[in-house]
Amino acid sequence: MKKRHVVLIVIAFIVLALFAIVMGVGTWLTRGLEEMAQMQISDVDLSSLSDSTYPGNFKGYRWSNSVEV
């Protein structure tokens, strides 16, 4: 009976450790997403621009994006 108790404690510890790791990775992956979703991008007057390709980039938190329009 004592050996079974030790095995259950070890299994519970492993499950809790895996849960903590998953929660930590999930928190890291979603850090800054809400702030990025709420970000306001100002309007651009396209009539004042000549036809061309315009590069742009953004870096914030762990996210970075590049575009050419």
Protein backbone atom coordinates (compact mmCIF):
# COMPACT_ATOMS: atom_id res chain seq x y z
CA MET A 1 0.00 0.00 0.00
CA LYS A 2 2.87 2.39 0.77
CA LYS A 3 4.46 1.84 -2.64
CA ARG A 4 1.16 2.66 -4.34
CA HIS A 5 0.93 5.89 -2.32
CA VAL A 6 4.41 6.95 -3.47
CA VAL A 7 3.56 6.15 -7.10
CA LEU A 8 0.39 8.26 -6.90
CA ILE A 9 2.34 11.18 -5.42
CA VAL A 10 4.93 10.95 -8.20
CA ILE A 11 2.21 10.84 -10.88
CA ALA A 12 0.43 13.81 -9.30
CA PHE A 13 3.70 15.76 -9.21
CA ILE A 14 4.37 15.00 -12.89
CA VAL A 15 0.83 16.05 -13.88
CA LEU A 16 1.13 19.31 -11.91
CA ALA A 17 4.55 20.03 -13.41
CA LEU A 18 3.23 19.46 -16.94
CA PHE A 19 0.23 21.68 -16.21
CA ALA A 20 2.52 24.46 -14.95
CA ILE A 21 4.71 24.17 -18.05
CA VAL A 22 1.70 24.31 -20.40
CA MET A 23 0.29 27.34 -18.57
CA GLY A 24 3.65 29.11 -18.68
CA VAL A 25 4.12 28.49 -22.39
CA GLY A 26 0.54 29.57 -23.08
CA THR A 27 1.08 32.79 -21.15
CA TRP A 28 4.31 33.49 -23.04
CA LEU A 29 2.68 32.80 -26.42
CA THR A 30 -0.25 35.15 -25.80
CA ARG A 31 1.68 37.96 -24.11
CA GLY A 32 0.85 41.28 -25.76
CA LEU A 33 -1.92 39.97 -28.03
CA GLU A 34 -4.63 42.09 -26.41
CA GLU A 35 -2.55 45.26 -26.71
CA MET A 36 -1.89 44.51 -30.37
CA ALA A 37 -5.59 43.90 -31.03
CA GLN A 38 -6.48 47.27 -29.47
CA MET A 39 -3.82 49.22 -31.38
CA GLN A 40 -5.15 52.05 -33.54
CA ILE A 41 -3.59 52.53 -36.97
CA SER A 42 -4.05 56.00 -38.41
CA ASP A 43 -5.59 56.58 -41.83
CA VAL A 44 -3.34 57.22 -44.81
CA ASP A 45 -4.36 59.57 -47.62
CA LEU A 46 -3.66 57.31 -50.59
CA SER A 47 -4.43 60.06 -53.12
CA SER A 48 -1.23 61.86 -52.10
CA LEU A 49 0.98 58.82 -52.78
CA SER A 50 2.42 57.80 -56.13
CA ASP A 51 2.06 54.25 -57.40
CA SER A 52 4.88 52.24 -55.91
CA THR A 53 5.71 49.57 -53.38
CA TYR A 54 5.88 50.79 -49.81
CA PRO A 55 7.54 48.66 -47.12
CA GLY A 56 6.47 48.70 -43.51
CA ASN A 57 7.32 46.81 -40.34
CA PHE A 58 6.26 46.54 -36.73
CA LYS A 59 7.91 45.06 -33.65
CA GLY A 60 6.13 44.77 -30.33
CA TYR A 61 6.39 42.28 -27.47
CA ARG A 62 7.31 38.98 -29.10
CA TRP A 63 5.52 39.85 -32.35
CA SER A 64 7.02 41.33 -35.49
CA ASN A 65 5.45 41.85 -38.90
CA SER A 66 6.67 43.15 -42.25
CA VAL A 67 4.59 44.12 -45.27
CA GLU A 68 5.00 45.59 -48.72
CA VAL A 69 1.97 47.32 -50.20
